[in-house]
Amino acid sequence: LGCHNYEYEPANFETGIGRIRNYLEKLR
Protein backbone atom coordinates (compact mmCIF):
# COMPACT_ATOMS: atom_id res chain seq x y z
CA LEU A 1 0.00 0.00 0.00
CA GLY A 2 1.67 3.19 -1.21
CA CYS A 3 0.73 6.20 0.95
CA HIS A 4 1.61 9.89 0.58
CA ASN A 5 2.61 11.92 3.63
CA TYR A 6 3.54 15.55 3.09
CA GLU A 7 4.01 18.18 5.76
CA TYR A 8 2.72 21.41 4.23
CA GLU A 9 3.64 23.87 7.00
CA PRO A 10 7.38 24.60 7.26
CA ALA A 11 7.04 25.54 10.93
CA ASN A 12 6.07 21.91 11.60
CA PHE A 13 9.36 20.50 10.34
CA GLU A 14 9.66 18.46 13.56
CA THR A 15 6.11 18.05 14.88
CA GLY A 16 4.82 16.90 11.50
CA ILE A 17 7.02 13.81 11.75
CA GLY A 18 5.20 12.70 14.89
CA ARG A 19 1.84 13.15 13.20
CA ILE A 20 2.94 11.02 10.26
CA ARG A 21 4.47 8.38 12.54
CA ASN A 22 1.19 8.11 14.42
CA TYR A 23 -0.67 7.43 11.19
CA LEU A 24 1.86 4.87 9.92
CA GLU A 25 1.87 2.99 13.23
CA LYS A 26 -1.93 2.80 13.19
CA LEU A 27 -1.83 1.61 9.60
CA ARG A 28 0.79 -1.03 10.43
mmCIF file of all heavy atoms, coordinates in Angstrom:
data_MODEL
# 
_entry.id   MODEL 
# 
loop_
_atom_site.group_PDB 
_atom_site.id 
_atom_site.type_symbol 
_atom_site.label_atom_id 
_atom_site.label_alt_id 
_atom_site.label_comp_id 
_atom_site.label_asym_id 
_atom_site.label_entity_id 
_atom_site.label_seq_id 
_atom_site.pdbx_PDB_ins_code 
_atom_site.Cartn_x 
_atom_site.Cartn_y 
_atom_site.Cartn_z 
_atom_site.occupancy 
_atom_site.B_iso_or_equiv 
_atom_site.pdbx_formal_charge 
_atom_site.auth_seq_id 
_atom_site.auth_comp_id 
_atom_site.auth_asym_id 
_atom_site.auth_atom_id 
_atom_site.pdbx_PDB_model_num 
ATOM 1   N N   . LEU A 1 1  ? 0.859  -1.184 0.000  1.00 0.00 ? 1  LEU A N   1 
ATOM 2   C CA  . LEU A 1 1  ? 0.000  0.000  0.000  1.00 0.00 ? 1  LEU A CA  1 
ATOM 3   C C   . LEU A 1 1  ? 0.895  1.234  0.000  1.00 0.00 ? 1  LEU A C   1 
ATOM 4   O O   . LEU A 1 1  ? 1.646  1.467  0.951  1.00 0.00 ? 1  LEU A O   1 
ATOM 5   C CB  . LEU A 1 1  ? -0.909 0.002  1.224  1.00 0.00 ? 1  LEU A CB  1 
ATOM 6   C CG  . LEU A 1 1  ? -2.014 1.072  1.227  1.00 0.00 ? 1  LEU A CG  1 
ATOM 7   C CD1 . LEU A 1 1  ? -3.077 0.727  0.192  1.00 0.00 ? 1  LEU A CD1 1 
ATOM 8   C CD2 . LEU A 1 1  ? -2.641 1.202  2.605  1.00 0.00 ? 1  LEU A CD2 1 
ATOM 9   N N   . GLY A 1 2  ? 0.825  2.013  -1.067 1.00 0.00 ? 2  GLY A N   1 
ATOM 10  C CA  . GLY A 1 2  ? 1.673  3.193  -1.207 1.00 0.00 ? 2  GLY A CA  1 
ATOM 11  C C   . GLY A 1 2  ? 0.950  4.448  -0.756 1.00 0.00 ? 2  GLY A C   1 
ATOM 12  O O   . GLY A 1 2  ? 0.037  4.929  -1.432 1.00 0.00 ? 2  GLY A O   1 
ATOM 13  N N   . CYS A 1 3  ? 1.360  4.999  0.378  1.00 0.00 ? 3  CYS A N   1 
ATOM 14  C CA  . CYS A 1 3  ? 0.734  6.196  0.947  1.00 0.00 ? 3  CYS A CA  1 
ATOM 15  C C   . CYS A 1 3  ? 1.541  7.441  0.587  1.00 0.00 ? 3  CYS A C   1 
ATOM 16  O O   . CYS A 1 3  ? 2.694  7.359  0.181  1.00 0.00 ? 3  CYS A O   1 
ATOM 17  C CB  . CYS A 1 3  ? 0.657  6.068  2.470  1.00 0.00 ? 3  CYS A CB  1 
ATOM 18  S SG  . CYS A 1 3  ? -0.168 4.569  3.025  1.00 0.00 ? 3  CYS A SG  1 
ATOM 19  N N   . HIS A 1 4  ? 0.928  8.601  0.768  1.00 0.00 ? 4  HIS A N   1 
ATOM 20  C CA  . HIS A 1 4  ? 1.605  9.887  0.581  1.00 0.00 ? 4  HIS A CA  1 
ATOM 21  C C   . HIS A 1 4  ? 1.476  10.675 1.879  1.00 0.00 ? 4  HIS A C   1 
ATOM 22  O O   . HIS A 1 4  ? 0.386  10.800 2.426  1.00 0.00 ? 4  HIS A O   1 
ATOM 23  C CB  . HIS A 1 4  ? 0.978  10.666 -0.572 1.00 0.00 ? 4  HIS A CB  1 
ATOM 24  C CG  . HIS A 1 4  ? 1.135  10.002 -1.893 1.00 0.00 ? 4  HIS A CG  1 
ATOM 25  N ND1 . HIS A 1 4  ? 0.589  10.513 -3.062 1.00 0.00 ? 4  HIS A ND1 1 
ATOM 26  C CD2 . HIS A 1 4  ? 1.788  8.865  -2.264 1.00 0.00 ? 4  HIS A CD2 1 
ATOM 27  C CE1 . HIS A 1 4  ? 0.893  9.713  -4.073 1.00 0.00 ? 4  HIS A CE1 1 
ATOM 28  N NE2 . HIS A 1 4  ? 1.618  8.707  -3.613 1.00 0.00 ? 4  HIS A NE2 1 
ATOM 29  N N   . ASN A 1 5  ? 2.601  11.190 2.355  1.00 0.00 ? 5  ASN A N   1 
ATOM 30  C CA  . ASN A 1 5  ? 2.609  11.917 3.627  1.00 0.00 ? 5  ASN A CA  1 
ATOM 31  C C   . ASN A 1 5  ? 3.462  13.171 3.526  1.00 0.00 ? 5  ASN A C   1 
ATOM 32  O O   . ASN A 1 5  ? 4.660  13.150 3.804  1.00 0.00 ? 5  ASN A O   1 
ATOM 33  C CB  . ASN A 1 5  ? 3.147  11.025 4.758  1.00 0.00 ? 5  ASN A CB  1 
ATOM 34  C CG  . ASN A 1 5  ? 2.180  9.922  5.148  1.00 0.00 ? 5  ASN A CG  1 
ATOM 35  O OD1 . ASN A 1 5  ? 2.522  8.760  5.166  1.00 0.00 ? 5  ASN A OD1 1 
ATOM 36  N ND2 . ASN A 1 5  ? 0.948  10.294 5.466  1.00 0.00 ? 5  ASN A ND2 1 
ATOM 37  N N   . TYR A 1 6  ? 2.855  14.267 3.119  1.00 0.00 ? 6  TYR A N   1 
ATOM 38  C CA  . TYR A 1 6  ? 3.542  15.553 3.086  1.00 0.00 ? 6  TYR A CA  1 
ATOM 39  C C   . TYR A 1 6  ? 3.283  16.319 4.377  1.00 0.00 ? 6  TYR A C   1 
ATOM 40  O O   . TYR A 1 6  ? 2.225  16.186 4.998  1.00 0.00 ? 6  TYR A O   1 
ATOM 41  C CB  . TYR A 1 6  ? 3.026  16.414 1.928  1.00 0.00 ? 6  TYR A CB  1 
ATOM 42  C CG  . TYR A 1 6  ? 3.398  15.938 0.552  1.00 0.00 ? 6  TYR A CG  1 
ATOM 43  C CD1 . TYR A 1 6  ? 2.463  15.304 -0.251 1.00 0.00 ? 6  TYR A CD1 1 
ATOM 44  C CD2 . TYR A 1 6  ? 4.680  16.138 0.046  1.00 0.00 ? 6  TYR A CD2 1 
ATOM 45  C CE1 . TYR A 1 6  ? 2.788  14.882 -1.535 1.00 0.00 ? 6  TYR A CE1 1 
ATOM 46  C CE2 . TYR A 1 6  ? 5.008  15.720 -1.233 1.00 0.00 ? 6  TYR A CE2 1 
ATOM 47  C CZ  . TYR A 1 6  ? 4.059  15.090 -2.016 1.00 0.00 ? 6  TYR A CZ  1 
ATOM 48  O OH  . TYR A 1 6  ? 4.388  14.677 -3.286 1.00 0.00 ? 6  TYR A OH  1 
ATOM 49  N N   . GLU A 1 7  ? 4.254  17.135 4.760  1.00 0.00 ? 7  GLU A N   1 
ATOM 50  C CA  . GLU A 1 7  ? 4.014  18.179 5.764  1.00 0.00 ? 7  GLU A CA  1 
ATOM 51  C C   . GLU A 1 7  ? 4.013  19.500 5.002  1.00 0.00 ? 7  GLU A C   1 
ATOM 52  O O   . GLU A 1 7  ? 5.002  19.856 4.369  1.00 0.00 ? 7  GLU A O   1 
ATOM 53  C CB  . GLU A 1 7  ? 5.102  18.182 6.842  1.00 0.00 ? 7  GLU A CB  1 
ATOM 54  C CG  . GLU A 1 7  ? 4.984  19.337 7.822  1.00 0.00 ? 7  GLU A CG  1 
ATOM 55  C CD  . GLU A 1 7  ? 3.593  19.453 8.431  1.00 0.00 ? 7  GLU A CD  1 
ATOM 56  O OE1 . GLU A 1 7  ? 3.147  18.490 9.083  1.00 0.00 ? 7  GLU A OE1 1 
ATOM 57  O OE2 . GLU A 1 7  ? 2.950  20.512 8.218  1.00 0.00 ? 7  GLU A OE2 1 
ATOM 58  N N   . TYR A 1 8  ? 2.892  20.214 5.057  1.00 0.00 ? 8  TYR A N   1 
ATOM 59  C CA  . TYR A 1 8  ? 2.724  21.411 4.235  1.00 0.00 ? 8  TYR A CA  1 
ATOM 60  C C   . TYR A 1 8  ? 3.088  22.706 4.957  1.00 0.00 ? 8  TYR A C   1 
ATOM 61  O O   . TYR A 1 8  ? 3.122  23.760 4.322  1.00 0.00 ? 8  TYR A O   1 
ATOM 62  C CB  . TYR A 1 8  ? 1.282  21.499 3.733  1.00 0.00 ? 8  TYR A CB  1 
ATOM 63  C CG  . TYR A 1 8  ? 0.942  20.426 2.729  1.00 0.00 ? 8  TYR A CG  1 
ATOM 64  C CD1 . TYR A 1 8  ? 0.250  19.282 3.114  1.00 0.00 ? 8  TYR A CD1 1 
ATOM 65  C CD2 . TYR A 1 8  ? 1.326  20.544 1.403  1.00 0.00 ? 8  TYR A CD2 1 
ATOM 66  C CE1 . TYR A 1 8  ? -0.060 18.288 2.193  1.00 0.00 ? 8  TYR A CE1 1 
ATOM 67  C CE2 . TYR A 1 8  ? 1.021  19.561 0.477  1.00 0.00 ? 8  TYR A CE2 1 
ATOM 68  C CZ  . TYR A 1 8  ? 0.322  18.427 0.883  1.00 0.00 ? 8  TYR A CZ  1 
ATOM 69  O OH  . TYR A 1 8  ? 0.029  17.452 -0.035 1.00 0.00 ? 8  TYR A OH  1 
ATOM 70  N N   . GLU A 1 9  ? 3.327  22.658 6.247  1.00 0.00 ? 9  GLU A N   1 
ATOM 71  C CA  . GLU A 1 9  ? 3.642  23.869 6.998  1.00 0.00 ? 9  GLU A CA  1 
ATOM 72  C C   . GLU A 1 9  ? 5.094  23.815 7.456  1.00 0.00 ? 9  GLU A C   1 
ATOM 73  O O   . GLU A 1 9  ? 5.445  22.994 8.312  1.00 0.00 ? 9  GLU A O   1 
ATOM 74  C CB  . GLU A 1 9  ? 2.695  24.010 8.187  1.00 0.00 ? 9  GLU A CB  1 
ATOM 75  C CG  . GLU A 1 9  ? 1.228  24.129 7.783  1.00 0.00 ? 9  GLU A CG  1 
ATOM 76  C CD  . GLU A 1 9  ? 0.323  24.326 8.990  1.00 0.00 ? 9  GLU A CD  1 
ATOM 77  O OE1 . GLU A 1 9  ? 0.552  25.298 9.727  1.00 0.00 ? 9  GLU A OE1 1 
ATOM 78  O OE2 . GLU A 1 9  ? -0.584 23.510 9.179  1.00 0.00 ? 9  GLU A OE2 1 
ATOM 79  N N   . PRO A 1 10 ? 5.959  24.660 6.911  1.00 0.00 ? 10 PRO A N   1 
ATOM 80  C CA  . PRO A 1 10 ? 7.381  24.599 7.256  1.00 0.00 ? 10 PRO A CA  1 
ATOM 81  C C   . PRO A 1 10 ? 7.663  24.695 8.754  1.00 0.00 ? 10 PRO A C   1 
ATOM 82  O O   . PRO A 1 10 ? 8.630  24.103 9.232  1.00 0.00 ? 10 PRO A O   1 
ATOM 83  C CB  . PRO A 1 10 ? 7.971  25.798 6.497  1.00 0.00 ? 10 PRO A CB  1 
ATOM 84  C CG  . PRO A 1 10 ? 7.075  25.956 5.308  1.00 0.00 ? 10 PRO A CG  1 
ATOM 85  C CD  . PRO A 1 10 ? 5.700  25.630 5.817  1.00 0.00 ? 10 PRO A CD  1 
ATOM 86  N N   . ALA A 1 11 ? 6.824  25.426 9.491  1.00 0.00 ? 11 ALA A N   1 
ATOM 87  C CA  . ALA A 1 11 ? 7.039  25.542 10.934 1.00 0.00 ? 11 ALA A CA  1 
ATOM 88  C C   . ALA A 1 11 ? 6.918  24.200 11.639 1.00 0.00 ? 11 ALA A C   1 
ATOM 89  O O   . ALA A 1 11 ? 7.433  24.027 12.752 1.00 0.00 ? 11 ALA A O   1 
ATOM 90  C CB  . ALA A 1 11 ? 6.046  26.540 11.532 1.00 0.00 ? 11 ALA A CB  1 
ATOM 91  N N   . ASN A 1 12 ? 6.261  23.227 11.001 1.00 0.00 ? 12 ASN A N   1 
ATOM 92  C CA  . ASN A 1 12 ? 6.066  21.907 11.602 1.00 0.00 ? 12 ASN A CA  1 
ATOM 93  C C   . ASN A 1 12 ? 7.125  20.908 11.140 1.00 0.00 ? 12 ASN A C   1 
ATOM 94  O O   . ASN A 1 12 ? 6.852  19.711 11.043 1.00 0.00 ? 12 ASN A O   1 
ATOM 95  C CB  . ASN A 1 12 ? 4.674  21.378 11.250 1.00 0.00 ? 12 ASN A CB  1 
ATOM 96  C CG  . ASN A 1 12 ? 3.568  22.205 11.843 1.00 0.00 ? 12 ASN A CG  1 
ATOM 97  O OD1 . ASN A 1 12 ? 3.779  22.953 12.795 1.00 0.00 ? 12 ASN A OD1 1 
ATOM 98  N ND2 . ASN A 1 12 ? 2.371  22.094 11.293 1.00 0.00 ? 12 ASN A ND2 1 
ATOM 99  N N   . PHE A 1 13 ? 8.321  21.385 10.868 1.00 0.00 ? 13 PHE A N   1 
ATOM 100 C CA  . PHE A 1 13 ? 9.355  20.502 10.342 1.00 0.00 ? 13 PHE A CA  1 
ATOM 101 C C   . PHE A 1 13 ? 9.669  19.356 11.295 1.00 0.00 ? 13 PHE A C   1 
ATOM 102 O O   . PHE A 1 13 ? 10.078 18.283 10.871 1.00 0.00 ? 13 PHE A O   1 
ATOM 103 C CB  . PHE A 1 13 ? 10.627 21.290 9.995  1.00 0.00 ? 13 PHE A CB  1 
ATOM 104 C CG  . PHE A 1 13 ? 11.310 21.958 11.152 1.00 0.00 ? 13 PHE A CG  1 
ATOM 105 C CD1 . PHE A 1 13 ? 12.286 21.306 11.884 1.00 0.00 ? 13 PHE A CD1 1 
ATOM 106 C CD2 . PHE A 1 13 ? 10.983 23.265 11.509 1.00 0.00 ? 13 PHE A CD2 1 
ATOM 107 C CE1 . PHE A 1 13 ? 12.934 21.932 12.942 1.00 0.00 ? 13 PHE A CE1 1 
ATOM 108 C CE2 . PHE A 1 13 ? 11.621 23.904 12.557 1.00 0.00 ? 13 PHE A CE2 1 
ATOM 109 C CZ  . PHE A 1 13 ? 12.590 23.227 13.286 1.00 0.00 ? 13 PHE A CZ  1 
ATOM 110 N N   . GLU A 1 14 ? 9.464  19.556 12.603 1.00 0.00 ? 14 GLU A N   1 
ATOM 111 C CA  . GLU A 1 14 ? 9.663  18.463 13.558 1.00 0.00 ? 14 GLU A CA  1 
ATOM 112 C C   . GLU A 1 14 ? 8.351  17.826 13.963 1.00 0.00 ? 14 GLU A C   1 
ATOM 113 O O   . GLU A 1 14 ? 8.194  16.602 13.916 1.00 0.00 ? 14 GLU A O   1 
ATOM 114 C CB  . GLU A 1 14 ? 10.398 18.980 14.800 1.00 0.00 ? 14 GLU A CB  1 
ATOM 115 C CG  . GLU A 1 14 ? 10.780 17.876 15.788 1.00 0.00 ? 14 GLU A CG  1 
ATOM 116 C CD  . GLU A 1 14 ? 9.646  17.485 16.734 1.00 0.00 ? 14 GLU A CD  1 
ATOM 117 O OE1 . GLU A 1 14 ? 8.842  18.367 17.103 1.00 0.00 ? 14 GLU A OE1 1 
ATOM 118 O OE2 . GLU A 1 14 ? 9.558  16.299 17.106 1.00 0.00 ? 14 GLU A OE2 1 
ATOM 119 N N   . THR A 1 15 ? 7.358  18.610 14.350 1.00 0.00 ? 15 THR A N   1 
ATOM 120 C CA  . THR A 1 15 ? 6.112  18.049 14.878 1.00 0.00 ? 15 THR A CA  1 
ATOM 121 C C   . THR A 1 15 ? 5.350  17.258 13.812 1.00 0.00 ? 15 THR A C   1 
ATOM 122 O O   . THR A 1 15 ? 4.638  16.299 14.144 1.00 0.00 ? 15 THR A O   1 
ATOM 123 C CB  . THR A 1 15 ? 5.202  19.158 15.433 1.00 0.00 ? 15 THR A CB  1 
ATOM 124 O OG1 . THR A 1 15 ? 4.954  20.129 14.394 1.00 0.00 ? 15 THR A OG1 1 
ATOM 125 C CG2 . THR A 1 15 ? 5.868  19.857 16.602 1.00 0.00 ? 15 THR A CG2 1 
ATOM 126 N N   . GLY A 1 16 ? 5.499  17.631 12.558 1.00 0.00 ? 16 GLY A N   1 
ATOM 127 C CA  . GLY A 1 16 ? 4.825  16.897 11.497 1.00 0.00 ? 16 GLY A CA  1 
ATOM 128 C C   . GLY A 1 16 ? 5.276  15.453 11.405 1.00 0.00 ? 16 GLY A C   1 
ATOM 129 O O   . GLY A 1 16 ? 4.510  14.580 10.978 1.00 0.00 ? 16 GLY A O   1 
ATOM 130 N N   . ILE A 1 17 ? 6.516  15.173 11.796 1.00 0.00 ? 17 ILE A N   1 
ATOM 131 C CA  . ILE A 1 17 ? 7.023  13.805 11.754 1.00 0.00 ? 17 ILE A CA  1 
ATOM 132 C C   . ILE A 1 17 ? 6.254  12.930 12.734 1.00 0.00 ? 17 ILE A C   1 
ATOM 133 O O   . ILE A 1 17 ? 5.889  11.793 12.424 1.00 0.00 ? 17 ILE A O   1 
ATOM 134 C CB  . ILE A 1 17 ? 8.535  13.786 12.061 1.00 0.00 ? 17 ILE A CB  1 
ATOM 135 C CG1 . ILE A 1 17 ? 9.289  14.570 10.982 1.00 0.00 ? 17 ILE A CG1 1 
ATOM 136 C CG2 . ILE A 1 17 ? 9.051  12.357 12.154 1.00 0.00 ? 17 ILE A CG2 1 
ATOM 137 C CD1 . ILE A 1 17 ? 10.731 14.838 11.317 1.00 0.00 ? 17 ILE A CD1 1 
ATOM 138 N N   . GLY A 1 18 ? 5.971  13.459 13.914 1.00 0.00 ? 18 GLY A N   1 
ATOM 139 C CA  . GLY A 1 18 ? 5.199  12.705 14.893 1.00 0.00 ? 18 GLY A CA  1 
ATOM 140 C C   . GLY A 1 18 ? 3.793  12.407 14.410 1.00 0.00 ? 18 GLY A C   1 
ATOM 141 O O   . GLY A 1 18 ? 3.255  11.315 14.645 1.00 0.00 ? 18 GLY A O   1 
ATOM 142 N N   . ARG A 1 19 ? 3.186  13.366 13.743 1.00 0.00 ? 19 ARG A N   1 
ATOM 143 C CA  . ARG A 1 19 ? 1.841  13.155 13.203 1.00 0.00 ? 19 ARG A CA  1 
ATOM 144 C C   . ARG A 1 19 ? 1.851  12.038 12.169 1.00 0.00 ? 19 ARG A C   1 
ATOM 145 O O   . ARG A 1 19 ? 0.972  11.158 12.172 1.00 0.00 ? 19 ARG A O   1 
ATOM 146 C CB  . ARG A 1 19 ? 1.346  14.458 12.570 1.00 0.00 ? 19 ARG A CB  1 
ATOM 147 C CG  . ARG A 1 19 ? 0.032  14.333 11.815 1.00 0.00 ? 19 ARG A CG  1 
ATOM 148 C CD  . ARG A 1 19 ? -0.401 15.675 11.227 1.00 0.00 ? 19 ARG A CD  1 
ATOM 149 N NE  . ARG A 1 19 ? 0.594  16.260 10.338 1.00 0.00 ? 19 ARG A NE  1 
ATOM 150 C CZ  . ARG A 1 19 ? 0.785  15.887 9.076  1.00 0.00 ? 19 ARG A CZ  1 
ATOM 151 N NH1 . ARG A 1 19 ? 0.064  14.909 8.565  1.00 0.00 ? 19 ARG A NH1 1 
ATOM 152 N NH2 . ARG A 1 19 ? 1.706  16.479 8.336  1.00 0.00 ? 19 ARG A NH2 1 
ATOM 153 N N   . ILE A 1 20 ? 2.847  12.046 11.292 1.00 0.00 ? 20 ILE A N   1 
ATOM 154 C CA  . ILE A 1 20 ? 2.935  11.023 10.256 1.00 0.00 ? 20 ILE A CA  1 
ATOM 155 C C   . ILE A 1 20 ? 3.265  9.661  10.868 1.00 0.00 ? 20 ILE A C   1 
ATOM 156 O O   . ILE A 1 20 ? 2.714  8.631  10.467 1.00 0.00 ? 20 ILE A O   1 
ATOM 157 C CB  . ILE A 1 20 ? 3.977  11.444 9.206  1.00 0.00 ? 20 ILE A CB  1 
ATOM 158 C CG1 . ILE A 1 20 ? 3.482  12.696 8.464  1.00 0.00 ? 20 ILE A CG1 1 
ATOM 159 C CG2 . ILE A 1 20 ? 4.263  10.314 8.226  1.00 0.00 ? 20 ILE A CG2 1 
ATOM 160 C CD1 . ILE A 1 20 ? 4.540  13.380 7.636  1.00 0.00 ? 20 ILE A CD1 1 
ATOM 161 N N   . ARG A 1 21 ? 4.151  9.648  11.865 1.00 0.00 ? 21 ARG A N   1 
ATOM 162 C CA  . ARG A 1 21 ? 4.473  8.383  12.541 1.00 0.00 ? 21 ARG A CA  1 
ATOM 163 C C   . ARG A 1 21 ? 3.217  7.768  13.160 1.00 0.00 ? 21 ARG A C   1 
ATOM 164 O O   . ARG A 1 21 ? 2.989  6.556  13.060 1.00 0.00 ? 21 ARG A O   1 
ATOM 165 C CB  . ARG A 1 21 ? 5.526  8.602  13.623 1.00 0.00 ? 21 ARG A CB  1 
ATOM 166 C CG  . ARG A 1 21 ? 5.847  7.327  14.416 1.00 0.00 ? 21 ARG A CG  1 
ATOM 167 C CD  . ARG A 1 21 ? 6.674  7.650  15.646 1.00 0.00 ? 21 ARG A CD  1 
ATOM 168 N NE  . ARG A 1 21 ? 8.024  8.019  15.310 1.00 0.00 ? 21 ARG A NE  1 
ATOM 169 C CZ  . ARG A 1 21 ? 9.038  7.153  15.221 1.00 0.00 ? 21 ARG A CZ  1 
ATOM 170 N NH1 . ARG A 1 21 ? 8.830  5.878  15.448 1.00 0.00 ? 21 ARG A NH1 1 
ATOM 171 N NH2 . ARG A 1 21 ? 10.242 7.581  14.924 1.00 0.00 ? 21 ARG A NH2 1 
ATOM 172 N N   . ASN A 1 22 ? 2.403  8.599  13.788 1.00 0.00 ? 22 ASN A N   1 
ATOM 173 C CA  . ASN A 1 22 ? 1.186  8.110  14.420 1.00 0.00 ? 22 ASN A CA  1 
ATOM 174 C C   . ASN A 1 22 ? 0.295  7.418  13.398 1.00 0.00 ? 22 ASN A C   1 
ATOM 175 O O   . ASN A 1 22 ? -0.251 6.333  13.656 1.00 0.00 ? 22 ASN A O   1 
ATOM 176 C CB  . ASN A 1 22 ? 0.454  9.269  15.084 1.00 0.00 ? 22 ASN A CB  1 
ATOM 177 C CG  . ASN A 1 22 ? -0.867 8.845  15.695 1.00 0.00 ? 22 ASN A CG  1 
ATOM 178 O OD1 . ASN A 1 22 ? -1.930 9.063  15.126 1.00 0.00 ? 22 ASN A OD1 1 
ATOM 179 N ND2 . ASN A 1 22 ? -0.807 8.249  16.876 1.00 0.00 ? 22 ASN A ND2 1 
ATOM 180 N N   . TYR A 1 23 ? 0.148  8.037  12.234 1.00 0.00 ? 23 TYR A N   1 
ATOM 181 C CA  . TYR A 1 23 ? -0.671 7.428  11.189 1.00 0.00 ? 23 TYR A CA  1 
ATOM 182 C C   . TYR A 1 23 ? -0.073 6.101  10.732 1.00 0.00 ? 23 TYR A C   1 
ATOM 183 O O   . TYR A 1 23 ? -0.778 5.085  10.616 1.00 0.00 ? 23 TYR A O   1 
ATOM 184 C CB  . TYR A 1 23 ? -0.819 8.357  9.989  1.00 0.00 ? 23 TYR A CB  1 
ATOM 185 C CG  . TYR A 1 23 ? -1.307 7.604  8.775  1.00 0.00 ? 23 TYR A CG  1 
ATOM 186 C CD1 . TYR A 1 23 ? -2.638 7.228  8.674  1.00 0.00 ? 23 TYR A CD1 1 
ATOM 187 C CD2 . TYR A 1 23 ? -0.418 7.197  7.786  1.00 0.00 ? 23 TYR A CD2 1 
ATOM 188 C CE1 . TYR A 1 23 ? -3.088 6.488  7.594  1.00 0.00 ? 23 TYR A CE1 1 
ATOM 189 C CE2 . TYR A 1 23 ? -0.855 6.461  6.703  1.00 0.00 ? 23 TYR A CE2 1 
ATOM 190 C CZ  . TYR A 1 23 ? -2.191 6.105  6.611  1.00 0.00 ? 23 TYR A CZ  1 
ATOM 191 O OH  . TYR A 1 23 ? -2.624 5.360  5.556  1.00 0.00 ? 23 TYR A OH  1 
ATOM 192 N N   . LEU A 1 24 ? 1.233  6.073  10.453 1.00 0.00 ? 24 LEU A N   1 
ATOM 193 C CA  . LEU A 1 24 ? 1.857  4.868  9.918  1.00 0.00 ? 24 LEU A CA  1 
ATOM 194 C C   . LEU A 1 24 ? 1.823  3.727  10.924 1.00 0.00 ? 24 LEU A C   1 
ATOM 195 O O   . LEU A 1 24 ? 1.665  2.554  10.549 1.00 0.00 ? 24 LEU A O   1 
ATOM 196 C CB  . LEU A 1 24 ? 3.293  5.167  9.491  1.00 0.00 ? 24 LEU A CB  1 
ATOM 197 C CG  . LEU A 1 24 ? 3.433  6.077  8.265  1.00 0.00 ? 24 LEU A CG  1 
ATOM 198 C CD1 . LEU A 1 24 ? 4.888  6.469  8.053  1.00 0.00 ? 24 LEU A CD1 1 
ATOM 199 C CD2 . LEU A 1 24 ? 2.868  5.415  7.017  1.00 0.00 ? 24 LEU A CD2 1 
ATOM 200 N N   . GLU A 1 25 ? 1.958  4.035  12.210 1.00 0.00 ? 25 GLU A N   1 
ATOM 201 C CA  . GLU A 1 25 ? 1.868  2.988  13.227 1.00 0.00 ? 25 GLU A CA  1 
ATOM 202 C C   . GLU A 1 25 ? 0.454  2.427  13.303 1.00 0.00 ? 25 GLU A C   1 
ATOM 203 O O   . GLU A 1 25 ? 0.264  1.207  13.453 1.00 0.00 ? 25 GLU A O   1 
ATOM 204 C CB  . GLU A 1 25 ? 2.322  3.533  14.580 1.00 0.00 ? 25 GLU A CB  1 
ATOM 205 C CG  . GLU A 1 25 ? 3.826  3.776  14.644 1.00 0.00 ? 25 GLU A CG  1 
ATOM 206 C CD  . GLU A 1 25 ? 4.264  4.418  15.945 1.00 0.00 ? 25 GLU A CD  1 
ATOM 207 O OE1 . GLU A 1 25 ? 3.387  4.965  16.666 1.00 0.00 ? 25 GLU A OE1 1 
ATOM 208 O OE2 . GLU A 1 25 ? 5.471  4.380  16.255 1.00 0.00 ? 25 GLU A OE2 1 
ATOM 209 N N   . LYS A 1 26 ? -0.546 3.291  13.197 1.00 0.00 ? 26 LYS A N   1 
ATOM 210 C CA  . LYS A 1 26 ? -1.929 2.804  13.186 1.00 0.00 ? 26 LYS A CA  1 
ATOM 211 C C   . LYS A 1 26 ? -2.190 1.952  11.948 1.00 0.00 ? 26 LYS A C   1 
ATOM 212 O O   . LYS A 1 26 ? -2.871 0.917  12.028 1.00 0.00 ? 26 LYS A O   1 
ATOM 213 C CB  . LYS A 1 26 ? -2.903 3.982  13.248 1.00 0.00 ? 26 LYS A CB  1 
ATOM 214 C CG  . LYS A 1 26 ? -2.961 4.686  14.588 1.00 0.00 ? 26 LYS A CG  1 
ATOM 215 C CD  . LYS A 1 26 ? -4.147 5.629  14.694 1.00 0.00 ? 26 LYS A CD  1 
ATOM 216 C CE  . LYS A 1 26 ? -4.014 6.807  13.762 1.00 0.00 ? 26 LYS A CE  1 
ATOM 217 N NZ  . LYS A 1 26 ? -5.144 7.783  13.955 1.00 0.00 ? 26 LYS A NZ  1 
ATOM 218 N N   . LEU A 1 27 ? -1.652 2.376  10.814 1.00 0.00 ? 27 LEU A N   1 
ATOM 219 C CA  . LEU A 1 27 ? -1.829 1.606  9.596  1.00 0.00 ? 27 LEU A CA  1 
ATOM 220 C C   . LEU A 1 27 ? -1.142 0.251  9.706  1.00 0.00 ? 27 LEU A C   1 
ATOM 221 O O   . LEU A 1 27 ? -1.706 -0.784 9.311  1.00 0.00 ? 27 LEU A O   1 
ATOM 222 C CB  . LEU A 1 27 ? -1.276 2.392  8.411  1.00 0.00 ? 27 LEU A CB  1 
ATOM 223 C CG  . LEU A 1 27 ? -1.372 1.727  7.042  1.00 0.00 ? 27 LEU A CG  1 
ATOM 224 C CD1 . LEU A 1 27 ? -2.822 1.436  6.677  1.00 0.00 ? 27 LEU A CD1 1 
ATOM 225 C CD2 . LEU A 1 27 ? -0.714 2.604  5.979  1.00 0.00 ? 27 LEU A CD2 1 
ATOM 226 N N   . ARG A 1 28 ? 0.070  0.238  10.240 1.00 0.00 ? 28 ARG A N   1 
ATOM 227 C CA  . ARG A 1 28 ? 0.793  -1.025 10.435 1.00 0.00 ? 28 ARG A CA  1 
ATOM 228 C C   . ARG A 1 28 ? -0.016 -1.975 11.318 1.00 0.00 ? 28 ARG A C   1 
ATOM 229 O O   . ARG A 1 28 ? -0.165 -3.164 11.002 1.00 0.00 ? 28 ARG A O   1 
ATOM 230 C CB  . ARG A 1 28 ? 2.151  -0.739 11.078 1.00 0.00 ? 28 ARG A CB  1 
ATOM 231 C CG  . ARG A 1 28 ? 2.974  -1.962 11.433 1.00 0.00 ? 28 ARG A CG  1 
ATOM 232 C CD  . ARG A 1 28 ? 4.087  -1.590 12.382 1.00 0.00 ? 28 ARG A CD  1 
ATOM 233 N NE  . ARG A 1 28 ? 3.549  -1.066 13.640 1.00 0.00 ? 28 ARG A NE  1 
ATOM 234 C CZ  . ARG A 1 28 ? 4.285  -0.421 14.554 1.00 0.00 ? 28 ARG A CZ  1 
ATOM 235 N NH1 . ARG A 1 28 ? 5.570  -0.200 14.327 1.00 0.00 ? 28 ARG A NH1 1 
ATOM 236 N NH2 . ARG A 1 28 ? 3.730  0.007  15.666 1.00 0.00 ? 28 ARG A NH2 1 
# 
